[in-house]
């Protein structure tokens, strides 16, 4: 019986001592788990570094981070413009929905072009993470420019968006939402 207890204790001790500590591999920088950027929007992307090389992985991680940024910008712009058009008394119709989509596309194409990497990290398993950001000021400027470029000839309600007073309200709405 003593041999059995001793054998079990030795077996237990051997298993306990041989376990691998994975905690080191699970330590991620805070920005990977909770991306944030005080002056704007942050997005994280990752990619495995393969035989295609580091540069390929970096470009793929950047594309994934830009997709994350685009999703966030889309949600914010859509919410802001819908709120603004409702407050401006323009209402909710197909022309407004189309305008919001066009503004979003203009903003995303411009702001993602202006996005930049502020952090990068490679984990022990060879996966590259990048933190990319876009400044709120760039988003606001792009939104105002996109709204000003709207073709109002197809819908008279859109003319209201380009009025000076409406432009001031839009600027304030964007400032409030993004800052």
N, C-alpha and C. Protein backbone atom coordinates (compact mmCIF):
# COMPACT_ATOMS: atom_id res chain seq x y z
N UNK A 1 0.82 -1.18 0.00
CA UNK A 1 0.00 0.00 0.00
C UNK A 1 0.87 1.25 0.00
N UNK A 2 1.99 1.19 0.80
CA UNK A 2 2.89 2.33 0.84
C UNK A 2 3.53 2.55 -0.52
N UNK A 3 3.85 1.44 -1.20
CA UNK A 3 4.45 1.56 -2.53
C UNK A 3 3.46 2.19 -3.51
N UNK A 4 2.21 1.83 -3.40
CA UNK A 4 1.18 2.38 -4.29
C UNK A 4 1.02 3.88 -4.06
N UNK A 5 0.93 4.29 -2.80
CA UNK A 5 0.79 5.71 -2.48
C UNK A 5 2.04 6.46 -2.92
N UNK A 6 3.22 5.87 -2.66
CA UNK A 6 4.47 6.49 -3.06
C UNK A 6 4.54 6.62 -4.59
N UNK A 7 4.13 5.58 -5.31
CA UNK A 7 4.14 5.60 -6.78
C UNK A 7 3.19 6.67 -7.32
N UNK A 8 2.01 6.76 -6.72
CA UNK A 8 1.04 7.78 -7.15
C UNK A 8 1.59 9.18 -6.88
N UNK A 9 2.23 9.36 -5.73
CA UNK A 9 2.80 10.66 -5.38
C UNK A 9 3.92 11.03 -6.36
N UNK A 10 4.77 10.07 -6.70
CA UNK A 10 5.86 10.32 -7.66
C UNK A 10 5.27 10.65 -9.03
N UNK A 11 4.27 9.90 -9.45
CA UNK A 11 3.62 10.13 -10.74
C UNK A 11 2.99 11.52 -10.76
N UNK A 12 2.30 11.87 -9.69
CA UNK A 12 1.66 13.18 -9.59
C UNK A 12 2.71 14.29 -9.65
N UNK A 13 3.81 14.11 -8.92
CA UNK A 13 4.89 15.10 -8.90
C UNK A 13 5.53 15.22 -10.28
N UNK A 14 5.73 14.11 -10.95
CA UNK A 14 6.35 14.14 -12.28
C UNK A 14 5.45 14.86 -13.28
N UNK A 15 4.16 14.60 -13.23
CA UNK A 15 3.22 15.27 -14.13
C UNK A 15 3.16 16.76 -13.82
N UNK A 16 3.13 17.10 -12.55
CA UNK A 16 3.05 18.51 -12.15
C UNK A 16 4.30 19.27 -12.58
N UNK A 17 5.46 18.66 -12.46
CA UNK A 17 6.71 19.34 -12.81
C UNK A 17 6.93 19.41 -14.31
N UNK A 18 6.35 18.51 -15.05
CA UNK A 18 6.60 18.48 -16.49
C UNK A 18 5.62 19.33 -17.29
N UNK A 19 4.63 19.89 -16.63
CA UNK A 19 3.67 20.69 -17.39
C UNK A 19 4.34 21.92 -17.96
N UNK A 20 3.94 22.29 -19.16
CA UNK A 20 4.51 23.43 -19.85
C UNK A 20 3.76 24.69 -19.45
N UNK A 21 4.51 25.73 -19.20
CA UNK A 21 3.89 27.01 -18.85
C UNK A 21 3.61 27.79 -20.13
N UNK A 22 2.33 27.87 -20.48
CA UNK A 22 1.92 28.58 -21.68
C UNK A 22 1.59 30.04 -21.40
N UNK A 23 1.68 30.46 -20.18
CA UNK A 23 1.28 31.84 -19.84
C UNK A 23 2.13 32.86 -20.59
N UNK A 24 3.39 32.54 -20.84
CA UNK A 24 4.25 33.48 -21.56
C UNK A 24 3.74 33.70 -22.98
N UNK A 25 3.21 32.64 -23.61
CA UNK A 25 2.70 32.76 -24.97
C UNK A 25 1.37 33.49 -25.03
N UNK A 26 0.66 33.55 -23.92
CA UNK A 26 -0.65 34.18 -23.90
C UNK A 26 -0.58 35.66 -23.53
N UNK A 27 0.60 36.16 -23.28
CA UNK A 27 0.74 37.57 -22.91
C UNK A 27 0.75 38.41 -24.19
N UNK A 28 -0.32 39.14 -24.36
CA UNK A 28 -0.44 40.03 -25.50
C UNK A 28 -0.33 41.47 -25.01
N UNK A 29 0.19 42.35 -25.84
CA UNK A 29 0.15 43.76 -25.45
C UNK A 29 -1.30 44.20 -25.27
N UNK A 30 -1.51 45.13 -24.40
CA UNK A 30 -2.86 45.61 -24.11
C UNK A 30 -3.57 46.09 -25.38
N UNK A 31 -2.84 46.72 -26.29
CA UNK A 31 -3.47 47.27 -27.49
C UNK A 31 -4.01 46.19 -28.42
N UNK A 32 -3.49 44.96 -28.33
CA UNK A 32 -4.01 43.87 -29.16
C UNK A 32 -5.41 43.48 -28.68
N UNK A 33 -5.59 43.45 -27.37
CA UNK A 33 -6.87 43.03 -26.80
C UNK A 33 -7.88 44.17 -26.70
N UNK A 34 -7.39 45.38 -26.46
CA UNK A 34 -8.27 46.54 -26.31
C UNK A 34 -7.68 47.72 -27.09
N UNK A 35 -7.85 47.70 -28.41
CA UNK A 35 -7.27 48.79 -29.20
C UNK A 35 -7.95 50.11 -28.88
N UNK A 36 -7.15 51.13 -28.69
CA UNK A 36 -7.71 52.46 -28.46
C UNK A 36 -6.71 53.51 -28.94
N UNK A 37 -7.25 54.67 -29.25
CA UNK A 37 -6.44 55.78 -29.72
C UNK A 37 -7.17 57.05 -29.32
N UNK A 38 -6.56 57.84 -28.48
CA UNK A 38 -7.22 59.02 -27.91
C UNK A 38 -7.65 60.03 -28.96
N UNK A 39 -6.91 60.13 -30.05
CA UNK A 39 -7.22 61.13 -31.06
C UNK A 39 -8.08 60.60 -32.20
N UNK A 40 -8.54 59.36 -32.11
CA UNK A 40 -9.31 58.82 -33.22
C UNK A 40 -9.75 57.40 -33.00
N UNK A 41 -9.72 56.65 -34.08
CA UNK A 41 -10.20 55.26 -34.08
C UNK A 41 -9.00 54.34 -34.30
N UNK A 42 -9.00 53.22 -33.59
CA UNK A 42 -7.91 52.24 -33.70
C UNK A 42 -8.47 50.91 -34.17
N UNK A 43 -7.69 50.22 -34.97
CA UNK A 43 -8.07 48.89 -35.43
C UNK A 43 -6.86 47.97 -35.40
N UNK A 44 -7.10 46.71 -35.09
CA UNK A 44 -6.02 45.72 -35.01
C UNK A 44 -6.21 44.69 -36.11
N UNK A 45 -5.10 44.31 -36.70
CA UNK A 45 -5.10 43.24 -37.68
C UNK A 45 -3.93 42.31 -37.41
N UNK A 46 -4.07 41.07 -37.85
CA UNK A 46 -2.98 40.12 -37.64
C UNK A 46 -2.82 39.22 -38.85
N UNK A 47 -1.66 38.61 -38.93
CA UNK A 47 -1.38 37.67 -40.00
C UNK A 47 -0.23 36.77 -39.57
N UNK A 48 -0.32 35.52 -39.92
CA UNK A 48 0.75 34.56 -39.66
C UNK A 48 1.91 34.83 -40.62
N UNK A 49 3.11 34.85 -40.09
CA UNK A 49 4.29 35.01 -40.94
C UNK A 49 4.61 33.64 -41.52
N UNK A 50 4.47 33.51 -42.82
CA UNK A 50 4.65 32.22 -43.50
C UNK A 50 5.90 32.28 -44.38
N UNK A 51 6.02 31.28 -45.24
CA UNK A 51 7.14 31.25 -46.17
C UNK A 51 7.07 32.39 -47.18
N UNK A 52 5.92 33.07 -47.26
CA UNK A 52 5.80 34.23 -48.15
C UNK A 52 6.53 35.45 -47.60
N UNK A 53 6.91 35.39 -46.33
CA UNK A 53 7.76 36.42 -45.76
C UNK A 53 7.05 37.43 -44.88
N UNK A 54 7.90 38.21 -44.22
CA UNK A 54 7.43 39.22 -43.27
C UNK A 54 6.63 40.32 -43.96
N UNK A 55 7.12 40.79 -45.11
CA UNK A 55 6.44 41.89 -45.80
C UNK A 55 5.02 41.50 -46.20
N UNK A 56 4.86 40.27 -46.68
CA UNK A 56 3.52 39.79 -47.03
C UNK A 56 2.62 39.75 -45.79
N UNK A 57 3.14 39.25 -44.69
CA UNK A 57 2.37 39.18 -43.44
C UNK A 57 2.01 40.58 -42.95
N UNK A 58 2.94 41.51 -43.08
CA UNK A 58 2.68 42.90 -42.67
C UNK A 58 1.55 43.50 -43.50
N UNK A 59 1.59 43.31 -44.81
CA UNK A 59 0.54 43.85 -45.68
C UNK A 59 -0.82 43.21 -45.37
N UNK A 60 -0.82 41.91 -45.11
CA UNK A 60 -2.07 41.23 -44.77
C UNK A 60 -2.60 41.70 -43.42
N UNK A 61 -1.73 41.87 -42.44
CA UNK A 61 -2.15 42.39 -41.13
C UNK A 61 -2.70 43.80 -41.27
N UNK A 62 -2.06 44.62 -42.11
CA UNK A 62 -2.55 45.98 -42.34
C UNK A 62 -3.92 45.97 -43.00
N UNK A 63 -4.13 45.08 -43.96
CA UNK A 63 -5.44 44.97 -44.62
C UNK A 63 -6.51 44.57 -43.61
N UNK A 64 -6.18 43.66 -42.72
CA UNK A 64 -7.14 43.25 -41.68
C UNK A 64 -7.43 44.38 -40.71
N UNK A 65 -6.42 45.16 -40.36
CA UNK A 65 -6.62 46.31 -39.47
C UNK A 65 -7.48 47.37 -40.16
N UNK A 66 -7.25 47.58 -41.45
CA UNK A 66 -8.06 48.56 -42.19
C UNK A 66 -9.51 48.10 -42.28
N UNK A 67 -9.73 46.81 -42.41
CA UNK A 67 -11.11 46.30 -42.42
C UNK A 67 -11.78 46.58 -41.08
N UNK A 68 -11.03 46.41 -40.00
CA UNK A 68 -11.55 46.72 -38.67
C UNK A 68 -11.87 48.21 -38.56
N UNK A 69 -10.97 49.06 -39.04
CA UNK A 69 -11.21 50.51 -39.03
C UNK A 69 -12.45 50.87 -39.86
N UNK A 70 -12.57 50.28 -41.04
CA UNK A 70 -13.70 50.59 -41.92
C UNK A 70 -15.02 50.24 -41.25
N UNK A 71 -15.06 49.11 -40.58
CA UNK A 71 -16.28 48.71 -39.88
C UNK A 71 -16.65 49.73 -38.81
N UNK A 72 -15.67 50.15 -38.03
CA UNK A 72 -15.93 51.12 -36.97
C UNK A 72 -16.34 52.48 -37.53
N UNK A 73 -15.63 52.93 -38.57
CA UNK A 73 -15.96 54.22 -39.18
C UNK A 73 -17.37 54.15 -39.75
N UNK A 74 -17.70 53.05 -40.41
CA UNK A 74 -19.04 52.90 -40.99
C UNK A 74 -20.13 53.01 -39.95
N UNK A 75 -19.96 52.35 -38.83
CA UNK A 75 -20.96 52.41 -37.77
C UNK A 75 -21.12 53.83 -37.24
N UNK A 76 -20.00 54.51 -37.02
CA UNK A 76 -20.06 55.87 -36.47
C UNK A 76 -20.63 56.86 -37.47
N UNK A 77 -20.17 56.78 -38.71
CA UNK A 77 -20.66 57.72 -39.73
C UNK A 77 -22.14 57.51 -39.98
N UNK A 78 -22.55 56.27 -40.10
CA UNK A 78 -23.96 55.97 -40.34
C UNK A 78 -24.82 56.51 -39.21
N UNK A 79 -24.42 56.25 -37.99
CA UNK A 79 -25.17 56.72 -36.83
C UNK A 79 -25.22 58.24 -36.79
N UNK A 80 -24.08 58.89 -37.02
CA UNK A 80 -24.02 60.35 -36.95
C UNK A 80 -24.87 60.99 -38.04
N UNK A 81 -24.74 60.52 -39.28
CA UNK A 81 -25.49 61.13 -40.37
C UNK A 81 -26.98 60.87 -40.26
N UNK A 82 -27.36 59.68 -39.82
CA UNK A 82 -28.80 59.40 -39.62
C UNK A 82 -29.37 60.33 -38.56
N UNK A 83 -28.64 60.50 -37.47
CA UNK A 83 -29.08 61.39 -36.40
C UNK A 83 -29.17 62.83 -36.91
N UNK A 84 -28.16 63.23 -37.66
CA UNK A 84 -28.12 64.60 -38.18
C UNK A 84 -29.28 64.86 -39.14
N UNK A 85 -29.51 63.95 -40.09
CA UNK A 85 -30.58 64.18 -41.07
C UNK A 85 -31.94 64.19 -40.40
N UNK A 86 -32.13 63.40 -39.37
CA UNK A 86 -33.39 63.41 -38.63
C UNK A 86 -33.57 64.75 -37.92
N UNK A 87 -32.51 65.22 -37.26
CA UNK A 87 -32.58 66.51 -36.56
C UNK A 87 -32.77 67.67 -37.54
N UNK A 88 -32.21 67.53 -38.74
CA UNK A 88 -32.32 68.59 -39.74
C UNK A 88 -33.68 68.58 -40.42
N UNK A 89 -34.52 67.60 -40.09
CA UNK A 89 -35.86 67.53 -40.65
C UNK A 89 -35.90 67.00 -42.06
N UNK A 90 -34.86 66.32 -42.46
CA UNK A 90 -34.80 65.80 -43.82
C UNK A 90 -35.53 64.47 -43.92
N UNK A 91 -35.54 63.74 -42.83
CA UNK A 91 -36.28 62.50 -42.80
C UNK A 91 -35.46 61.32 -43.24
N UNK A 92 -36.16 60.23 -43.43
CA UNK A 92 -35.51 58.98 -43.77
C UNK A 92 -36.10 58.49 -45.09
N UNK A 93 -35.31 58.55 -46.15
CA UNK A 93 -35.79 58.05 -47.44
C UNK A 93 -34.63 57.44 -48.21
N UNK A 94 -34.92 56.93 -49.38
CA UNK A 94 -33.90 56.23 -50.17
C UNK A 94 -32.76 57.16 -50.56
N UNK A 95 -33.07 58.43 -50.87
CA UNK A 95 -32.02 59.37 -51.25
C UNK A 95 -31.06 59.62 -50.10
N UNK A 96 -31.60 59.72 -48.89
CA UNK A 96 -30.76 59.93 -47.71
C UNK A 96 -29.90 58.69 -47.47
N UNK A 97 -30.51 57.51 -47.57
CA UNK A 97 -29.74 56.27 -47.39
C UNK A 97 -28.61 56.17 -48.41
N UNK A 98 -28.90 56.53 -49.66
CA UNK A 98 -27.88 56.50 -50.71
C UNK A 98 -26.79 57.52 -50.40
N UNK A 99 -27.19 58.70 -49.93
CA UNK A 99 -26.22 59.73 -49.58
C UNK A 99 -25.31 59.26 -48.45
N UNK A 100 -25.90 58.65 -47.43
CA UNK A 100 -25.11 58.16 -46.30
C UNK A 100 -24.10 57.12 -46.79
N UNK A 101 -24.52 56.23 -47.67
CA UNK A 101 -23.63 55.21 -48.21
C UNK A 101 -22.49 55.84 -49.01
N UNK A 102 -22.81 56.84 -49.83
CA UNK A 102 -21.77 57.52 -50.62
C UNK A 102 -20.78 58.25 -49.72
N UNK A 103 -21.30 58.92 -48.70
CA UNK A 103 -20.43 59.62 -47.76
C UNK A 103 -19.52 58.62 -47.06
N UNK A 104 -20.09 57.51 -46.62
CA UNK A 104 -19.30 56.47 -45.96
C UNK A 104 -18.18 55.98 -46.87
N UNK A 105 -18.52 55.68 -48.13
CA UNK A 105 -17.51 55.18 -49.06
C UNK A 105 -16.40 56.20 -49.29
N UNK A 106 -16.78 57.48 -49.43
CA UNK A 106 -15.76 58.53 -49.60
C UNK A 106 -14.85 58.62 -48.38
N UNK A 107 -15.45 58.59 -47.21
CA UNK A 107 -14.68 58.71 -45.97
C UNK A 107 -13.74 57.53 -45.82
N UNK A 108 -14.26 56.34 -45.99
CA UNK A 108 -13.44 55.14 -45.81
C UNK A 108 -12.30 55.11 -46.81
N UNK A 109 -12.58 55.42 -48.07
CA UNK A 109 -11.50 55.38 -49.06
C UNK A 109 -10.42 56.41 -48.74
N UNK A 110 -10.82 57.59 -48.29
CA UNK A 110 -9.84 58.62 -47.96
C UNK A 110 -9.14 58.33 -46.63
N UNK A 111 -9.91 58.02 -45.61
CA UNK A 111 -9.32 57.86 -44.28
C UNK A 111 -8.50 56.59 -44.16
N UNK A 112 -8.89 55.53 -44.84
CA UNK A 112 -8.07 54.33 -44.78
C UNK A 112 -6.77 54.55 -45.52
N UNK A 113 -6.80 55.42 -46.51
CA UNK A 113 -5.57 55.81 -47.19
C UNK A 113 -4.65 56.55 -46.21
N UNK A 114 -5.24 57.33 -45.31
CA UNK A 114 -4.47 58.10 -44.32
C UNK A 114 -4.17 57.31 -43.04
N UNK A 115 -4.65 56.09 -42.94
CA UNK A 115 -4.40 55.31 -41.72
C UNK A 115 -2.91 54.98 -41.63
N UNK A 116 -2.48 54.77 -40.39
CA UNK A 116 -1.06 54.50 -40.19
C UNK A 116 -0.86 53.52 -39.03
N UNK A 117 0.24 52.81 -39.07
CA UNK A 117 0.60 51.87 -38.00
C UNK A 117 1.27 52.66 -36.89
N UNK A 118 0.81 52.42 -35.65
CA UNK A 118 1.50 53.04 -34.51
C UNK A 118 2.13 51.99 -33.59
N UNK A 119 1.74 50.73 -33.75
CA UNK A 119 2.33 49.64 -32.96
C UNK A 119 2.37 48.39 -33.82
N UNK A 120 3.35 47.55 -33.58
CA UNK A 120 3.44 46.23 -34.21
C UNK A 120 4.08 45.28 -33.21
N UNK A 121 3.66 44.01 -33.28
CA UNK A 121 4.18 43.01 -32.35
C UNK A 121 4.09 41.64 -33.00
N UNK A 122 5.14 40.85 -32.82
CA UNK A 122 5.14 39.47 -33.29
C UNK A 122 5.11 38.55 -32.07
N UNK A 123 4.13 37.66 -32.03
CA UNK A 123 4.05 36.75 -30.89
C UNK A 123 5.02 35.58 -31.10
N UNK A 124 5.25 34.77 -30.06
CA UNK A 124 6.20 33.66 -30.18
C UNK A 124 5.81 32.62 -31.23
N UNK A 125 4.56 32.57 -31.62
CA UNK A 125 4.12 31.61 -32.63
C UNK A 125 4.29 32.15 -34.06
N UNK A 126 4.85 33.34 -34.21
CA UNK A 126 5.11 33.89 -35.53
C UNK A 126 3.92 34.60 -36.16
N UNK A 127 3.04 35.12 -35.35
CA UNK A 127 1.91 35.90 -35.88
C UNK A 127 2.20 37.37 -35.63
N UNK A 128 2.02 38.16 -36.67
CA UNK A 128 2.28 39.59 -36.60
C UNK A 128 0.98 40.34 -36.33
N UNK A 129 1.00 41.24 -35.37
CA UNK A 129 -0.14 42.09 -35.04
C UNK A 129 0.24 43.54 -35.30
N UNK A 130 -0.68 44.30 -35.88
CA UNK A 130 -0.45 45.73 -36.09
C UNK A 130 -1.64 46.52 -35.55
N UNK A 131 -1.33 47.67 -34.99
CA UNK A 131 -2.35 48.62 -34.53
C UNK A 131 -2.31 49.80 -35.47
N UNK A 132 -3.42 50.02 -36.17
CA UNK A 132 -3.50 51.14 -37.10
C UNK A 132 -4.53 52.13 -36.59
N UNK A 133 -4.32 53.40 -36.90
CA UNK A 133 -5.20 54.45 -36.40
C UNK A 133 -5.57 55.43 -37.51
N UNK A 134 -6.70 56.10 -37.27
CA UNK A 134 -7.16 57.22 -38.09
C UNK A 134 -7.57 58.32 -37.12
N UNK A 135 -7.13 59.54 -37.38
CA UNK A 135 -7.48 60.66 -36.52
C UNK A 135 -8.93 61.10 -36.73
N UNK A 136 -9.60 61.45 -35.62
CA UNK A 136 -10.97 61.97 -35.70
C UNK A 136 -11.05 63.19 -36.61
N UNK A 137 -10.06 64.05 -36.54
CA UNK A 137 -10.06 65.26 -37.38
C UNK A 137 -10.11 64.90 -38.85
N UNK A 138 -9.40 63.86 -39.25
CA UNK A 138 -9.43 63.42 -40.65
C UNK A 138 -10.80 62.90 -41.03
N UNK A 139 -11.43 62.15 -40.12
CA UNK A 139 -12.76 61.61 -40.40
C UNK A 139 -13.77 62.75 -40.54
N UNK A 140 -13.72 63.71 -39.63
CA UNK A 140 -14.64 64.85 -39.68
C UNK A 140 -14.45 65.63 -40.97
N UNK A 141 -13.20 65.92 -41.30
CA UNK A 141 -12.91 66.68 -42.53
C UNK A 141 -13.41 65.92 -43.76
N UNK A 142 -13.18 64.62 -43.79
CA UNK A 142 -13.63 63.80 -44.92
C UNK A 142 -15.15 63.75 -45.01
N UNK A 143 -15.82 63.66 -43.86
CA UNK A 143 -17.29 63.62 -43.86
C UNK A 143 -17.86 64.92 -44.39
N UNK A 144 -17.32 66.04 -43.93
CA UNK A 144 -17.81 67.34 -44.40
C UNK A 144 -17.56 67.51 -45.89
N UNK A 145 -16.39 67.10 -46.35
CA UNK A 145 -16.06 67.20 -47.77
C UNK A 145 -17.00 66.31 -48.59
N UNK A 146 -17.25 65.11 -48.11
CA UNK A 146 -18.13 64.19 -48.83
C UNK A 146 -19.55 64.73 -48.91
N UNK A 147 -20.04 65.31 -47.82
CA UNK A 147 -21.39 65.89 -47.83
C UNK A 147 -21.44 67.06 -48.79
N UNK A 148 -20.41 67.89 -48.80
CA UNK A 148 -20.39 69.04 -49.71
C UNK A 148 -20.30 68.63 -51.18
N UNK A 149 -19.81 67.44 -51.45
CA UNK A 149 -19.70 66.96 -52.83
C UNK A 149 -20.95 66.22 -53.31
N UNK A 150 -21.97 66.16 -52.48
CA UNK A 150 -23.20 65.46 -52.85
C UNK A 150 -23.87 66.18 -54.01
N UNK A 151 -24.33 65.40 -54.96
CA UNK A 151 -25.09 65.96 -56.09
C UNK A 151 -26.53 66.15 -55.64
N UNK A 152 -26.93 67.41 -55.47
CA UNK A 152 -28.27 67.71 -54.97
C UNK A 152 -29.31 67.79 -56.08
N UNK A 153 -28.89 67.68 -57.33
CA UNK A 153 -29.84 67.84 -58.43
C UNK A 153 -30.87 66.72 -58.48
N UNK A 154 -30.56 65.58 -57.90
CA UNK A 154 -31.49 64.46 -57.96
C UNK A 154 -32.55 64.49 -56.86
N UNK A 155 -32.29 65.23 -55.79
CA UNK A 155 -33.26 65.27 -54.70
C UNK A 155 -33.16 66.61 -53.98
N UNK A 156 -34.23 67.39 -54.04
CA UNK A 156 -34.21 68.71 -53.41
C UNK A 156 -33.99 68.67 -51.90
N UNK A 157 -34.38 67.57 -51.25
CA UNK A 157 -34.17 67.49 -49.80
C UNK A 157 -32.69 67.53 -49.45
N UNK A 158 -31.86 67.04 -50.36
CA UNK A 158 -30.43 67.04 -50.10
C UNK A 158 -29.84 68.45 -50.12
N UNK A 159 -30.54 69.38 -50.75
CA UNK A 159 -30.08 70.77 -50.76
C UNK A 159 -29.98 71.29 -49.33
N UNK A 160 -30.88 70.84 -48.47
CA UNK A 160 -30.86 71.27 -47.06
C UNK A 160 -29.54 70.92 -46.39
N UNK A 161 -28.95 69.81 -46.80
CA UNK A 161 -27.69 69.39 -46.20
C UNK A 161 -26.55 70.35 -46.50
N UNK A 162 -26.64 71.02 -47.63
CA UNK A 162 -25.55 71.88 -48.05
C UNK A 162 -25.72 73.33 -47.61
N UNK A 163 -26.83 73.64 -46.97
CA UNK A 163 -27.04 75.00 -46.48
C UNK A 163 -26.00 75.31 -45.40
N UNK A 164 -25.63 76.59 -45.28
CA UNK A 164 -24.61 76.98 -44.31
C UNK A 164 -24.98 76.57 -42.90
N UNK A 165 -26.21 76.82 -42.51
CA UNK A 165 -26.65 76.48 -41.15
C UNK A 165 -26.58 74.97 -40.94
N UNK A 166 -26.99 74.22 -41.96
CA UNK A 166 -26.95 72.76 -41.86
C UNK A 166 -25.51 72.28 -41.77
N UNK A 167 -24.62 72.93 -42.51
CA UNK A 167 -23.21 72.56 -42.46
C UNK A 167 -22.62 72.77 -41.08
N UNK A 168 -23.02 73.86 -40.44
CA UNK A 168 -22.56 74.12 -39.07
C UNK A 168 -23.08 73.06 -38.11
N UNK A 169 -24.35 72.69 -38.28
CA UNK A 169 -24.94 71.65 -37.41
C UNK A 169 -24.25 70.31 -37.64
N UNK A 170 -23.98 70.01 -38.91
CA UNK A 170 -23.30 68.75 -39.22
C UNK A 170 -21.91 68.73 -38.57
N UNK A 171 -21.19 69.84 -38.71
CA UNK A 171 -19.86 69.91 -38.10
C UNK A 171 -19.95 69.66 -36.59
N UNK A 172 -20.92 70.29 -35.94
CA UNK A 172 -21.09 70.12 -34.49
C UNK A 172 -21.45 68.68 -34.15
N UNK A 173 -22.34 68.10 -34.94
CA UNK A 173 -22.75 66.70 -34.72
C UNK A 173 -21.54 65.76 -34.84
N UNK A 174 -20.73 65.97 -35.87
CA UNK A 174 -19.54 65.15 -36.06
C UNK A 174 -18.53 65.36 -34.94
N UNK A 175 -18.32 66.61 -34.55
CA UNK A 175 -17.41 66.91 -33.44
C UNK A 175 -17.86 66.21 -32.17
N UNK A 176 -19.15 66.30 -31.87
CA UNK A 176 -19.68 65.67 -30.65
C UNK A 176 -19.50 64.16 -30.69
N UNK A 177 -19.73 63.57 -31.84
CA UNK A 177 -19.70 62.12 -31.92
C UNK A 177 -18.27 61.58 -31.91
N UNK A 178 -17.36 62.27 -32.59
CA UNK A 178 -16.01 61.73 -32.73
C UNK A 178 -15.05 62.23 -31.67
N UNK A 179 -15.44 63.21 -30.88
CA UNK A 179 -14.54 63.71 -29.84
C UNK A 179 -15.10 63.51 -28.46
